[in-house]
């Protein structure tokens, strides 16, 4: 099988590449993403000795670059490309909408042109917006995003579903909860807390830190995507969740305990708009169709993640300085 990962140099793409090569060493993985020096270049370099790995430099808004990638022969596309930074979506929504909506529509057009067998569009739990405590957040829950990032994901989902209905394309949409694990850039909560703690630098915390989150280890996310690639039902939407919740404050406390650092490093910063609680997504549909279930416990995953960043300082120091939690 030949799998194209748009945005394959990023956090999910790098881990998914590693997972697929471990589980399916005879597969060909095509990474289509723009070249960036630093850690992203390191992500590409770690696979380049594998003859089944192909890197194509380009952005999904560039039609000629897309033709180069799809022209290599593609069975399945996993569209990971786009912007994921919520704070940046509040500051500059136009560029995010262009990347997430127009870019994804171009990927769908190219998949249709080259008769790709399956397109998997990676979405987000952000599409649900605020969720009442105790609610069963299944795939039929109402969509009510509260920021441009979430709205861009809803728009991309609707376009993807329209291509399934209008053109008969085999498309699947996934909505995942908060990911964490190795190779995540320090603009996100978990790696920011870990890397700042390792350097004994201040750890900024939004508000009182009581915002609830649903946490998904990246390896569980990758195994879910693997299951969906092979066993997902065309036209479906699937939630992917670790079925474990914790507040931001609890995450920070656990990281500090793992690294033996004091709470005095933590500094409160003003909360951002729309920073509401998020509770577990129901994965019953995904389990019924594919048999997938998460395996990581949160504390175990945090300890493993903290240990990875502690042992791979050369990777995260290539990111540059980041000082706020997202």
Protein backbone atom coordinates (compact mmCIF):
# COMPACT_ATOMS: atom_id res chain seq x y z
CA UNK A 1 0.00 0.00 0.00
CA UNK A 2 1.14 3.55 -0.79
CA UNK A 3 0.02 6.13 1.78
CA UNK A 4 0.37 9.87 1.29
CA UNK A 5 0.62 11.93 4.47
CA UNK A 6 0.04 15.61 3.81
CA UNK A 7 1.76 17.49 6.61
CA UNK A 8 3.77 14.35 7.28
CA UNK A 9 6.69 16.18 8.92
CA UNK A 10 4.57 17.36 11.85
CA UNK A 11 3.77 15.82 15.21
CA UNK A 12 1.08 13.36 14.12
CA UNK A 13 2.68 12.69 10.73
CA UNK A 14 6.08 11.78 12.18
CA UNK A 15 4.58 9.42 14.74
CA UNK A 16 2.17 7.92 12.19
CA UNK A 17 5.06 7.28 9.78
CA UNK A 18 6.96 5.49 12.52
CA UNK A 19 3.89 3.46 13.51
CA UNK A 20 3.06 2.41 9.95
CA UNK A 21 6.62 1.33 9.20
CA UNK A 22 6.66 -0.74 12.39
CA UNK A 23 3.31 -2.40 11.64
CA UNK A 24 3.55 -2.55 7.83
CA UNK A 25 7.25 -2.44 6.81
CA UNK A 26 6.44 -3.15 3.16
CA UNK A 27 4.23 -0.04 2.80
CA UNK A 28 5.44 3.08 1.01
CA UNK A 29 4.96 6.34 2.93
CA UNK A 30 4.99 9.61 0.98
CA UNK A 31 5.48 12.67 3.17
CA UNK A 32 4.20 15.81 1.45
CA UNK A 33 5.05 18.91 3.49
CA UNK A 34 7.04 22.15 3.16
CA UNK A 35 10.70 22.00 4.08
CA UNK A 36 11.53 23.69 7.38
CA UNK A 37 14.92 23.77 9.04
CA UNK A 38 15.30 22.57 12.60
CA UNK A 39 13.20 19.84 14.16
CA UNK A 40 10.98 19.29 11.11
CA UNK A 41 14.06 18.61 8.99
CA UNK A 42 15.21 16.20 11.71
CA UNK A 43 11.84 14.43 11.50
CA UNK A 44 12.35 13.85 7.77
CA UNK A 45 15.99 12.81 8.16
CA UNK A 46 15.18 10.00 10.60
CA UNK A 47 13.29 8.08 7.86
CA UNK A 48 15.32 8.87 4.75
CA UNK A 49 17.45 5.74 4.96
CA UNK A 50 14.27 3.69 4.48
CA UNK A 51 13.81 2.93 0.75
CA UNK A 52 10.02 2.94 1.25
CA UNK A 53 10.01 6.56 2.45
CA UNK A 54 9.57 9.42 -0.03
CA UNK A 55 9.70 13.09 0.90
CA UNK A 56 8.08 15.69 -1.39
CA UNK A 57 8.59 19.37 -0.57
CA UNK A 58 5.43 21.44 -1.03
CA UNK A 59 2.30 23.03 0.43
CA UNK A 60 -1.24 21.79 -0.13
CA UNK A 61 -2.27 25.16 -1.61
CA UNK A 62 0.26 24.60 -4.45
CA UNK A 63 -1.37 22.60 -7.26
CA UNK A 64 1.88 21.77 -9.08
CA UNK A 65 3.44 20.44 -5.89
CA UNK A 66 0.34 18.33 -5.23
CA UNK A 67 0.57 16.86 -8.74
CA UNK A 68 4.17 15.80 -8.04
CA UNK A 69 3.12 14.00 -4.87
CA UNK A 70 -0.02 12.32 -6.22
CA UNK A 71 1.79 11.41 -9.42
CA UNK A 72 3.98 9.01 -7.45
CA UNK A 73 0.97 6.70 -7.06
CA UNK A 74 -1.24 6.89 -3.99
CA UNK A 75 -3.73 4.43 -2.51
CA UNK A 76 -4.69 6.31 0.67
CA UNK A 77 -4.36 9.96 1.71
CA UNK A 78 -4.28 11.03 5.35
CA UNK A 79 -4.73 14.80 5.31
CA UNK A 80 -2.82 16.14 8.32
CA UNK A 81 -1.84 19.44 6.71
CA UNK A 82 -3.00 22.81 7.96
CA UNK A 83 -2.73 25.06 10.97
CA UNK A 84 -3.62 23.81 14.47
CA UNK A 85 -2.69 26.76 16.67
CA UNK A 86 -5.85 28.16 18.29
CA UNK A 87 -4.28 31.40 19.52
CA UNK A 88 -2.92 32.15 16.05
CA UNK A 89 -6.37 31.51 14.62
CA UNK A 90 -7.66 34.30 16.87
CA UNK A 91 -4.92 36.67 15.72
CA UNK A 92 -4.91 35.88 11.99
CA UNK A 93 -7.94 33.79 10.94
CA UNK A 94 -7.54 34.41 7.20
CA UNK A 95 -4.31 32.46 6.74
CA UNK A 96 -5.65 29.59 8.83
CA UNK A 97 -8.88 29.36 6.83
CA UNK A 98 -6.91 29.35 3.59
CA UNK A 99 -4.63 26.53 4.75
CA UNK A 100 -7.30 24.41 6.44
CA UNK A 101 -10.26 24.87 4.09
CA UNK A 102 -8.95 25.76 0.63
CA UNK A 103 -5.91 23.51 1.02
CA UNK A 104 -8.03 20.53 2.05
CA UNK A 105 -10.41 21.10 -0.86
CA UNK A 106 -7.40 21.01 -3.22
CA UNK A 107 -6.29 17.70 -1.67
CA UNK A 108 -9.77 16.28 -2.28
CA UNK A 109 -9.74 17.47 -5.90
CA UNK A 110 -6.34 15.89 -6.46
CA UNK A 111 -7.42 12.62 -4.83
CA UNK A 112 -10.42 12.53 -7.15
CA UNK A 113 -8.28 13.29 -10.21
CA UNK A 114 -5.81 10.50 -9.39
CA UNK A 115 -8.50 7.97 -8.32
CA UNK A 116 -7.20 7.58 -4.79
CA UNK A 117 -9.00 4.75 -3.00
CA UNK A 118 -9.53 6.47 0.38
CA UNK A 119 -9.12 9.96 1.90
CA UNK A 120 -8.96 10.39 5.67
CA UNK A 121 -9.53 13.97 6.83
CA UNK A 122 -8.13 14.73 10.28
CA UNK A 123 -10.47 17.03 12.18
CA UNK A 124 -10.71 17.92 15.86
CA UNK A 125 -12.92 17.83 18.94
CA UNK A 126 -12.88 21.63 18.65
CA UNK A 127 -15.81 21.30 16.23
CA UNK A 128 -18.11 20.46 19.17
CA UNK A 129 -17.42 23.65 21.11
CA UNK A 130 -18.57 23.74 24.76
CA UNK A 131 -19.86 20.42 26.06
CA UNK A 132 -22.01 20.00 29.16
CA UNK A 133 -20.45 17.90 31.90
CA UNK A 134 -21.77 14.36 31.70
CA UNK A 135 -22.85 14.67 28.06
CA UNK A 136 -22.36 11.72 25.73
CA UNK A 137 -20.26 13.30 22.99
CA UNK A 138 -20.94 10.98 20.07
CA UNK A 139 -20.39 11.81 16.42
CA UNK A 140 -23.98 13.08 16.16
CA UNK A 141 -23.47 15.75 18.87
CA UNK A 142 -24.18 19.26 17.62
CA UNK A 143 -21.28 21.25 16.10
CA UNK A 144 -20.73 24.67 17.69
CA UNK A 145 -17.12 25.86 17.36
CA UNK A 146 -16.12 29.00 19.25
CA UNK A 147 -12.91 29.96 17.42
CA UNK A 148 -11.77 30.23 13.77
CA UNK A 149 -9.74 27.02 14.05
CA UNK A 150 -12.80 24.98 15.05
CA UNK A 151 -14.91 26.72 12.41
CA UNK A 152 -12.32 25.91 9.72
CA UNK A 153 -12.49 22.24 10.73
CA UNK A 154 -16.29 22.21 10.46
CA UNK A 155 -16.06 23.75 6.99
CA UNK A 156 -13.48 21.18 5.92
CA UNK A 157 -15.65 18.36 7.25
CA UNK A 158 -18.67 19.57 5.27
CA UNK A 159 -16.62 19.82 2.08
CA UNK A 160 -15.23 16.33 2.65
CA UNK A 161 -18.71 14.90 3.21
CA UNK A 162 -19.96 16.64 0.05
CA UNK A 163 -17.27 14.90 -2.03
CA UNK A 164 -18.41 11.57 -0.63
CA UNK A 165 -22.04 12.31 -1.50
CA UNK A 166 -21.58 14.09 -4.83
CA UNK A 167 -18.71 12.10 -6.32
CA UNK A 168 -18.88 8.79 -4.47
CA UNK A 169 -15.41 9.25 -3.00
CA UNK A 170 -14.37 7.01 -0.12
CA UNK A 171 -13.82 9.61 2.59
CA UNK A 172 -13.59 9.31 6.36
CA UNK A 173 -13.42 12.10 8.96
CA UNK A 174 -11.76 11.73 12.36
CA UNK A 175 -12.24 13.99 15.39
CA UNK A 176 -9.53 13.56 17.99
CA UNK A 177 -9.15 14.93 21.51
CA UNK A 178 -6.00 16.60 22.91
CA UNK A 179 -2.92 14.72 21.69
CA UNK A 180 0.35 14.44 23.55
CA UNK A 181 3.60 12.51 23.17
CA UNK A 182 7.01 12.64 21.50
CA UNK A 183 7.78 15.00 18.61
CA UNK A 184 5.16 17.58 19.65
CA UNK A 185 6.38 21.17 19.35
CA UNK A 186 6.69 23.19 22.59
CA UNK A 187 3.87 25.56 21.66
CA UNK A 188 1.48 22.92 23.01
CA UNK A 189 0.76 22.38 26.69
CA UNK A 190 2.54 19.12 27.52
CA UNK A 191 5.89 19.74 25.79
CA UNK A 192 5.95 23.39 26.87
CA UNK A 193 5.56 22.45 30.51
CA UNK A 194 8.15 19.68 30.20
CA UNK A 195 10.80 21.73 28.37
CA UNK A 196 10.37 24.78 30.58
CA UNK A 197 10.59 22.60 33.68
CA UNK A 198 13.76 20.94 32.39
CA UNK A 199 15.30 24.41 32.02
CA UNK A 200 13.90 25.66 35.35
CA UNK A 201 12.09 28.40 33.44
CA UNK A 202 8.69 29.90 34.34
CA UNK A 203 5.70 27.79 33.31
CA UNK A 204 2.76 30.00 32.26
CA UNK A 205 -0.70 28.69 33.16
CA UNK A 206 -3.99 30.01 31.76
CA UNK A 207 -6.21 31.34 34.54
CA UNK A 208 -6.59 28.94 37.48
CA UNK A 209 -5.70 25.91 35.37
CA UNK A 210 -9.01 24.18 36.09
CA UNK A 211 -9.93 23.78 32.40
CA UNK A 212 -10.81 20.11 31.83
CA UNK A 213 -9.33 18.26 28.86
CA UNK A 214 -9.66 14.82 27.26
CA UNK A 215 -6.15 13.41 26.64
CA UNK A 216 -5.06 11.03 23.86
CA UNK A 217 -1.54 9.59 23.62
CA UNK A 218 -0.10 9.93 20.13
CA UNK A 219 0.55 6.20 19.81
CA UNK A 220 -3.11 5.47 20.55
CA UNK A 221 -4.05 8.06 17.91
CA UNK A 222 -1.74 6.40 15.37
CA UNK A 223 -3.10 2.92 16.08
CA UNK A 224 -6.63 4.32 15.63
CA UNK A 225 -5.69 5.82 12.26
CA UNK A 226 -4.10 2.53 11.24
CA UNK A 227 -7.36 0.75 12.09
CA UNK A 228 -9.40 3.32 10.17
CA UNK A 229 -7.16 3.08 7.09
CA UNK A 230 -7.80 -0.66 6.93
CA UNK A 231 -11.23 -1.16 8.47
CA UNK A 232 -13.06 2.19 8.59
CA UNK A 233 -16.42 2.48 6.84
CA UNK A 234 -16.56 4.89 3.89
CA UNK A 235 -18.45 8.09 4.61
CA UNK A 236 -18.07 7.72 8.37
CA UNK A 237 -17.09 10.19 11.07
CA UNK A 238 -15.11 8.76 13.98
CA UNK A 239 -14.25 10.20 17.37
CA UNK A 240 -10.80 9.26 18.69
CA UNK A 241 -10.30 9.69 22.42
CA UNK A 242 -8.05 8.42 25.17
CA UNK A 243 -11.13 8.35 27.45
CA UNK A 244 -9.16 10.11 30.16
CA UNK A 245 -9.68 13.62 31.48
CA UNK A 246 -7.50 15.91 33.57
CA UNK A 247 -7.30 19.63 34.19
CA UNK A 248 -4.44 21.71 32.90
CA UNK A 249 -3.34 22.17 36.51
CA UNK A 250 -3.26 18.41 37.07
CA UNK A 251 -1.14 17.92 33.95
CA UNK A 252 1.35 20.53 35.15
CA UNK A 253 1.48 18.96 38.61
CA UNK A 254 2.16 15.49 37.18
CA UNK A 255 4.93 16.78 34.91
CA UNK A 256 6.61 18.62 37.79
CA UNK A 257 6.45 15.46 39.91
CA UNK A 258 7.96 13.37 37.09
CA UNK A 259 10.85 15.83 36.70
CA UNK A 260 11.21 16.66 40.40
CA UNK A 261 10.60 20.37 39.86
CA UNK A 262 8.80 22.80 42.22
CA UNK A 263 5.35 24.34 41.74
CA UNK A 264 6.99 27.75 42.25
CA UNK A 265 7.93 27.67 38.54
CA UNK A 266 4.25 28.11 37.62
CA UNK A 267 2.99 31.62 36.79
CA UNK A 268 -0.66 32.44 36.08
CA UNK A 269 -1.47 34.30 32.83
CA UNK A 270 -4.86 35.65 31.63
CA UNK A 271 -7.16 33.01 30.17
CA UNK A 272 -7.92 33.11 26.45
CA UNK A 273 -11.40 33.52 24.91
CA UNK A 274 -13.39 30.30 24.53
CA UNK A 275 -11.10 28.24 26.76
CA UNK A 276 -13.95 26.01 27.95
CA UNK A 277 -13.94 22.52 29.48
CA UNK A 278 -13.81 19.48 27.21
CA UNK A 279 -14.99 16.04 28.30
CA UNK A 280 -14.36 12.56 26.84
CA UNK A 281 -15.57 11.73 23.36
CA UNK A 282 -17.47 8.49 22.86
CA UNK A 283 -15.45 6.05 20.72
CA UNK A 284 -18.16 3.37 20.59
CA UNK A 285 -18.58 3.73 16.83
CA UNK A 286 -14.85 3.39 16.13
CA UNK A 287 -14.59 0.36 18.41
CA UNK A 288 -17.63 -1.29 16.81
CA UNK A 289 -16.32 -0.81 13.26
CA UNK A 290 -12.60 -1.51 13.77
CA UNK A 291 -12.10 -3.06 17.22
CA UNK A 292 -9.79 -0.22 18.29
CA UNK A 293 -9.46 0.84 21.92
CA UNK A 294 -6.94 3.15 23.64
CA UNK A 295 -4.22 1.47 25.70
CA UNK A 296 -2.30 4.30 27.41
CA UNK A 297 -3.05 5.44 30.94
CA UNK A 298 -2.49 9.16 31.36
CA UNK A 299 0.12 9.12 34.13
CA UNK A 300 2.10 6.43 32.29
CA UNK A 301 1.93 8.45 29.09
CA UNK A 302 3.07 11.67 30.79
CA UNK A 303 6.04 9.91 32.39
CA UNK A 304 7.04 8.37 29.06
CA UNK A 305 6.66 11.73 27.29
CA UNK A 306 8.68 13.62 29.92
CA UNK A 307 11.43 11.01 29.67
CA UNK A 308 11.56 11.37 25.86
CA UNK A 309 11.98 15.15 26.00
CA UNK A 310 14.60 14.78 28.71
CA UNK A 311 16.59 12.44 26.43
CA UNK A 312 16.08 14.42 23.20
CA UNK A 313 17.05 17.99 24.02
CA UNK A 314 18.73 18.39 20.62
CA UNK A 315 15.32 17.99 18.97
CA UNK A 316 13.25 20.45 21.01
CA UNK A 317 16.00 23.07 21.33
CA UNK A 318 15.82 23.37 17.53
CA UNK A 319 12.29 24.77 17.97
CA UNK A 320 13.29 28.16 19.35
CA UNK A 321 11.75 29.88 22.35
CA UNK A 322 8.06 29.49 23.21
CA UNK A 323 6.63 31.09 26.34
CA UNK A 324 2.85 30.60 26.43
CA UNK A 325 0.63 27.58 26.87
CA UNK A 326 -1.73 26.64 24.02
